[in-house]
Amino acid sequence: MREGRFAWGYATHADRVLHPLLRDSIDDEWREVSWDEAIAHTAAKLLDVQTRHGRGAIGGMTSSRCTNEEVFLVQKMVRTAFGNNNVDTCARVCHSPRASG
């Protein structure tokens, strides 16, 4: 599989997952759910983390393969939806932020 500049090989691969999958625990099987259920589940889990550990408990990390527009969208989401500035990109210092995380 060729990745290419924007990883087209991944986006068009025959084994790509096309529908959201959820499981309640690591021992459970994955189950296909609607996009609405997946988004609601994710939002509830993120809100729970912030409620228990504070606003700064969630952040965003982008890849060196992201476009400037994608990096902008992630930082905008973190700053507006999560209410903090915990945003970084591995392009800044290779992969050290992800490795240390």
N, C-alpha and C. Protein backbone atom coordinates (compact mmCIF):
# COMPACT_ATOMS: atom_id res chain seq x y z
N MET A 1 0.86 -1.18 0.00
CA MET A 1 0.00 0.00 0.00
C MET A 1 0.89 1.23 0.00
N ARG A 2 0.62 2.15 -0.87
CA ARG A 2 1.36 3.41 -0.91
C ARG A 2 0.62 4.45 -0.09
N GLU A 3 1.36 5.10 0.79
CA GLU A 3 0.76 6.15 1.61
C GLU A 3 0.60 7.43 0.81
N GLY A 4 1.66 7.90 0.21
CA GLY A 4 1.59 9.15 -0.53
C GLY A 4 1.55 10.34 0.40
N ARG A 5 1.48 11.51 -0.17
CA ARG A 5 1.51 12.75 0.60
C ARG A 5 0.37 12.85 1.58
N PHE A 6 -0.83 12.47 1.20
CA PHE A 6 -1.99 12.59 2.07
C PHE A 6 -2.57 11.24 2.47
N ALA A 7 -1.77 10.19 2.39
CA ALA A 7 -2.15 8.85 2.82
C ALA A 7 -3.38 8.33 2.08
N TRP A 8 -3.45 8.56 0.77
CA TRP A 8 -4.60 8.09 -0.01
C TRP A 8 -4.74 6.58 0.08
N GLY A 9 -3.63 5.89 0.24
CA GLY A 9 -3.68 4.43 0.35
C GLY A 9 -4.51 3.98 1.54
N TYR A 10 -4.42 4.69 2.64
CA TYR A 10 -5.22 4.37 3.81
C TYR A 10 -6.69 4.71 3.59
N ALA A 11 -6.94 5.86 3.00
CA ALA A 11 -8.31 6.32 2.82
C ALA A 11 -9.09 5.49 1.81
N THR A 12 -8.39 4.81 0.91
CA THR A 12 -9.07 4.03 -0.12
C THR A 12 -8.87 2.53 0.04
N HIS A 13 -8.25 2.10 1.12
CA HIS A 13 -7.96 0.68 1.32
C HIS A 13 -9.24 -0.13 1.51
N ALA A 14 -9.27 -1.34 1.01
CA ALA A 14 -10.46 -2.20 1.09
C ALA A 14 -10.82 -2.57 2.53
N ASP A 15 -9.86 -2.61 3.43
CA ASP A 15 -10.11 -2.99 4.83
C ASP A 15 -10.48 -1.81 5.72
N ARG A 16 -10.62 -0.64 5.14
CA ARG A 16 -10.93 0.57 5.92
C ARG A 16 -12.29 0.43 6.61
N VAL A 17 -12.35 0.83 7.88
CA VAL A 17 -13.60 0.83 8.63
C VAL A 17 -14.43 2.03 8.18
N LEU A 18 -15.67 1.77 7.76
CA LEU A 18 -16.51 2.84 7.19
C LEU A 18 -17.63 3.28 8.12
N HIS A 19 -17.84 2.56 9.22
CA HIS A 19 -18.91 2.89 10.16
C HIS A 19 -18.33 2.92 11.57
N PRO A 20 -18.88 3.77 12.44
CA PRO A 20 -18.36 3.82 13.81
C PRO A 20 -18.58 2.50 14.54
N LEU A 21 -17.62 2.16 15.38
CA LEU A 21 -17.69 0.95 16.19
C LEU A 21 -17.49 1.33 17.65
N LEU A 22 -18.26 0.71 18.54
CA LEU A 22 -18.14 0.93 19.99
C LEU A 22 -18.06 -0.39 20.71
N ARG A 23 -17.46 -0.37 21.88
CA ARG A 23 -17.52 -1.48 22.82
C ARG A 23 -17.45 -0.90 24.21
N ASP A 24 -18.11 -1.55 25.14
CA ASP A 24 -18.18 -1.03 26.50
C ASP A 24 -16.95 -1.35 27.32
N SER A 25 -16.29 -2.45 27.00
CA SER A 25 -15.04 -2.78 27.68
C SER A 25 -14.13 -3.49 26.69
N ILE A 26 -12.88 -3.62 27.06
CA ILE A 26 -11.91 -4.24 26.17
C ILE A 26 -12.21 -5.71 25.93
N ASP A 27 -12.98 -6.32 26.82
CA ASP A 27 -13.35 -7.73 26.68
C ASP A 27 -14.54 -7.95 25.76
N ASP A 28 -15.27 -6.87 25.44
CA ASP A 28 -16.46 -6.98 24.58
C ASP A 28 -16.09 -6.95 23.11
N GLU A 29 -17.00 -7.46 22.30
CA GLU A 29 -16.84 -7.37 20.85
C GLU A 29 -17.23 -5.97 20.38
N TRP A 30 -16.61 -5.52 19.29
CA TRP A 30 -16.99 -4.24 18.70
C TRP A 30 -18.39 -4.38 18.10
N ARG A 31 -19.18 -3.32 18.20
CA ARG A 31 -20.51 -3.32 17.58
C ARG A 31 -20.65 -2.05 16.75
N GLU A 32 -21.29 -2.20 15.60
CA GLU A 32 -21.51 -1.06 14.72
C GLU A 32 -22.63 -0.19 15.28
N VAL A 33 -22.42 1.12 15.30
CA VAL A 33 -23.42 2.06 15.80
C VAL A 33 -23.60 3.19 14.79
N SER A 34 -24.62 4.00 15.01
CA SER A 34 -24.85 5.16 14.14
C SER A 34 -23.83 6.25 14.47
N TRP A 35 -23.69 7.18 13.54
CA TRP A 35 -22.80 8.31 13.79
C TRP A 35 -23.30 9.12 14.98
N ASP A 36 -24.62 9.29 15.10
CA ASP A 36 -25.17 10.05 16.23
C ASP A 36 -24.81 9.41 17.56
N GLU A 37 -24.93 8.08 17.63
CA GLU A 37 -24.59 7.39 18.88
C GLU A 37 -23.09 7.49 19.17
N ALA A 38 -22.27 7.36 18.16
CA ALA A 38 -20.82 7.44 18.35
C ALA A 38 -20.40 8.83 18.82
N ILE A 39 -20.96 9.86 18.23
CA ILE A 39 -20.63 11.23 18.62
C ILE A 39 -21.12 11.52 20.03
N ALA A 40 -22.35 11.10 20.36
CA ALA A 40 -22.89 11.31 21.71
C ALA A 40 -22.05 10.56 22.75
N HIS A 41 -21.65 9.35 22.44
CA HIS A 41 -20.83 8.55 23.35
C HIS A 41 -19.48 9.23 23.60
N THR A 42 -18.84 9.67 22.52
CA THR A 42 -17.54 10.33 22.64
C THR A 42 -17.65 11.63 23.44
N ALA A 43 -18.67 12.43 23.16
CA ALA A 43 -18.87 13.69 23.88
C ALA A 43 -19.09 13.42 25.37
N ALA A 44 -19.88 12.41 25.69
CA ALA A 44 -20.14 12.08 27.10
C ALA A 44 -18.87 11.64 27.81
N LYS A 45 -18.05 10.83 27.15
CA LYS A 45 -16.80 10.36 27.76
C LYS A 45 -15.82 11.52 27.96
N LEU A 46 -15.71 12.41 26.98
CA LEU A 46 -14.82 13.55 27.12
C LEU A 46 -15.29 14.49 28.23
N LEU A 47 -16.59 14.72 28.31
CA LEU A 47 -17.14 15.55 29.37
C LEU A 47 -16.89 14.93 30.74
N ASP A 48 -17.01 13.61 30.83
CA ASP A 48 -16.74 12.91 32.08
C ASP A 48 -15.28 13.10 32.51
N VAL A 49 -14.36 13.00 31.57
CA VAL A 49 -12.94 13.20 31.89
C VAL A 49 -12.71 14.61 32.41
N GLN A 50 -13.29 15.61 31.74
CA GLN A 50 -13.13 16.99 32.19
C GLN A 50 -13.79 17.23 33.53
N THR A 51 -14.93 16.63 33.78
CA THR A 51 -15.62 16.80 35.06
C THR A 51 -14.78 16.23 36.20
N ARG A 52 -14.18 15.08 35.98
CA ARG A 52 -13.39 14.43 37.02
C ARG A 52 -11.99 15.02 37.18
N HIS A 53 -11.38 15.49 36.08
CA HIS A 53 -9.97 15.88 36.13
C HIS A 53 -9.69 17.33 35.75
N GLY A 54 -10.71 18.09 35.40
CA GLY A 54 -10.52 19.50 35.05
C GLY A 54 -10.40 19.74 33.56
N ARG A 55 -10.56 21.02 33.19
CA ARG A 55 -10.55 21.40 31.77
C ARG A 55 -9.26 21.02 31.05
N GLY A 56 -8.15 21.08 31.74
CA GLY A 56 -6.86 20.81 31.12
C GLY A 56 -6.56 19.35 30.89
N ALA A 57 -7.48 18.47 31.23
CA ALA A 57 -7.22 17.03 31.12
C ALA A 57 -7.29 16.51 29.69
N ILE A 58 -7.81 17.30 28.77
CA ILE A 58 -7.97 16.87 27.38
C ILE A 58 -7.21 17.84 26.48
N GLY A 59 -6.59 17.29 25.46
CA GLY A 59 -5.89 18.12 24.50
C GLY A 59 -5.94 17.49 23.13
N GLY A 60 -5.20 18.04 22.20
CA GLY A 60 -5.17 17.51 20.85
C GLY A 60 -3.75 17.44 20.32
N MET A 61 -3.48 16.39 19.55
CA MET A 61 -2.17 16.21 18.93
C MET A 61 -2.41 15.91 17.46
N THR A 62 -1.76 16.67 16.59
CA THR A 62 -1.90 16.43 15.16
C THR A 62 -0.65 15.77 14.61
N SER A 63 -0.80 15.20 13.44
CA SER A 63 0.28 14.49 12.77
C SER A 63 1.06 15.41 11.84
N SER A 64 2.27 15.03 11.56
CA SER A 64 3.06 15.78 10.59
C SER A 64 2.49 15.64 9.19
N ARG A 65 1.61 14.69 8.97
CA ARG A 65 0.96 14.51 7.67
C ARG A 65 -0.27 15.39 7.49
N CYS A 66 -0.69 16.06 8.55
CA CYS A 66 -1.87 16.92 8.45
C CYS A 66 -1.57 18.18 7.64
N THR A 67 -2.59 18.66 6.97
CA THR A 67 -2.46 19.94 6.28
C THR A 67 -2.58 21.06 7.31
N ASN A 68 -2.21 22.27 6.93
CA ASN A 68 -2.37 23.42 7.82
C ASN A 68 -3.83 23.58 8.23
N GLU A 69 -4.74 23.32 7.29
CA GLU A 69 -6.17 23.46 7.58
C GLU A 69 -6.63 22.45 8.62
N GLU A 70 -6.13 21.22 8.55
CA GLU A 70 -6.49 20.20 9.54
C GLU A 70 -5.94 20.55 10.92
N VAL A 71 -4.70 21.04 10.96
CA VAL A 71 -4.10 21.46 12.23
C VAL A 71 -4.91 22.61 12.82
N PHE A 72 -5.32 23.55 11.98
CA PHE A 72 -6.14 24.67 12.45
C PHE A 72 -7.45 24.17 13.05
N LEU A 73 -8.11 23.21 12.39
CA LEU A 73 -9.38 22.70 12.90
C LEU A 73 -9.22 22.02 14.26
N VAL A 74 -8.13 21.26 14.44
CA VAL A 74 -7.91 20.61 15.73
C VAL A 74 -7.68 21.64 16.82
N GLN A 75 -6.83 22.64 16.57
CA GLN A 75 -6.58 23.64 17.61
C GLN A 75 -7.83 24.44 17.90
N LYS A 76 -8.66 24.71 16.90
CA LYS A 76 -9.91 25.44 17.11
C LYS A 76 -10.87 24.62 17.97
N MET A 77 -10.97 23.31 17.70
CA MET A 77 -11.83 22.43 18.48
C MET A 77 -11.37 22.38 19.95
N VAL A 78 -10.07 22.20 20.16
CA VAL A 78 -9.56 22.10 21.53
C VAL A 78 -9.80 23.40 22.28
N ARG A 79 -9.54 24.52 21.65
CA ARG A 79 -9.67 25.80 22.32
C ARG A 79 -11.12 26.19 22.57
N THR A 80 -12.01 25.87 21.64
CA THR A 80 -13.41 26.28 21.82
C THR A 80 -14.24 25.22 22.53
N ALA A 81 -14.11 23.96 22.15
CA ALA A 81 -14.94 22.91 22.75
C ALA A 81 -14.40 22.43 24.10
N PHE A 82 -13.06 22.31 24.21
CA PHE A 82 -12.47 21.80 25.44
C PHE A 82 -12.05 22.91 26.39
N GLY A 83 -11.94 24.13 25.89
CA GLY A 83 -11.67 25.27 26.74
C GLY A 83 -10.26 25.38 27.26
N ASN A 84 -9.27 24.89 26.50
CA ASN A 84 -7.89 25.05 26.93
C ASN A 84 -6.98 25.17 25.71
N ASN A 85 -5.70 25.32 25.94
CA ASN A 85 -4.73 25.48 24.86
C ASN A 85 -3.80 24.28 24.73
N ASN A 86 -4.24 23.10 25.15
CA ASN A 86 -3.41 21.89 25.11
C ASN A 86 -3.41 21.31 23.70
N VAL A 87 -2.66 21.95 22.81
CA VAL A 87 -2.60 21.55 21.42
C VAL A 87 -1.13 21.49 21.00
N ASP A 88 -0.77 20.47 20.25
CA ASP A 88 0.59 20.37 19.74
C ASP A 88 0.55 19.58 18.44
N THR A 89 1.66 19.57 17.75
CA THR A 89 1.80 18.78 16.54
C THR A 89 3.16 18.10 16.55
N CYS A 90 3.20 16.88 16.08
CA CYS A 90 4.48 16.18 16.07
C CYS A 90 5.42 16.77 15.03
N ALA A 91 4.90 17.56 14.11
CA ALA A 91 5.75 18.18 13.09
C ALA A 91 6.70 19.20 13.70
N ARG A 92 6.35 19.74 14.86
CA ARG A 92 7.15 20.77 15.50
C ARG A 92 8.49 20.24 15.97
N VAL A 93 8.51 19.09 16.58
CA VAL A 93 9.74 18.51 17.12
C VAL A 93 9.79 17.01 16.85
N CYS A 94 9.57 16.63 15.61
CA CYS A 94 9.53 15.24 15.21
C CYS A 94 8.40 14.54 15.95
N HIS A 95 8.66 13.43 16.61
CA HIS A 95 7.58 12.70 17.28
C HIS A 95 7.72 12.72 18.80
N SER A 96 8.54 13.60 19.34
CA SER A 96 8.78 13.58 20.79
C SER A 96 7.54 13.87 21.63
N PRO A 97 6.59 14.73 21.24
CA PRO A 97 5.40 14.91 22.08
C PRO A 97 4.59 13.63 22.22
N ARG A 98 4.45 12.88 21.12
CA ARG A 98 3.69 11.64 21.20
C ARG A 98 4.45 10.57 21.95
N ALA A 99 5.76 10.52 21.77
CA ALA A 99 6.56 9.51 22.45
C ALA A 99 6.54 9.73 23.95
N SER A 100 6.61 10.98 24.40
CA SER A 100 6.61 11.24 25.83
C SER A 100 5.20 11.08 26.42
N GLY A 101 4.17 11.24 25.60
CA GLY A 101 2.78 11.08 26.06
C GLY A 101 2.47 9.64 26.30
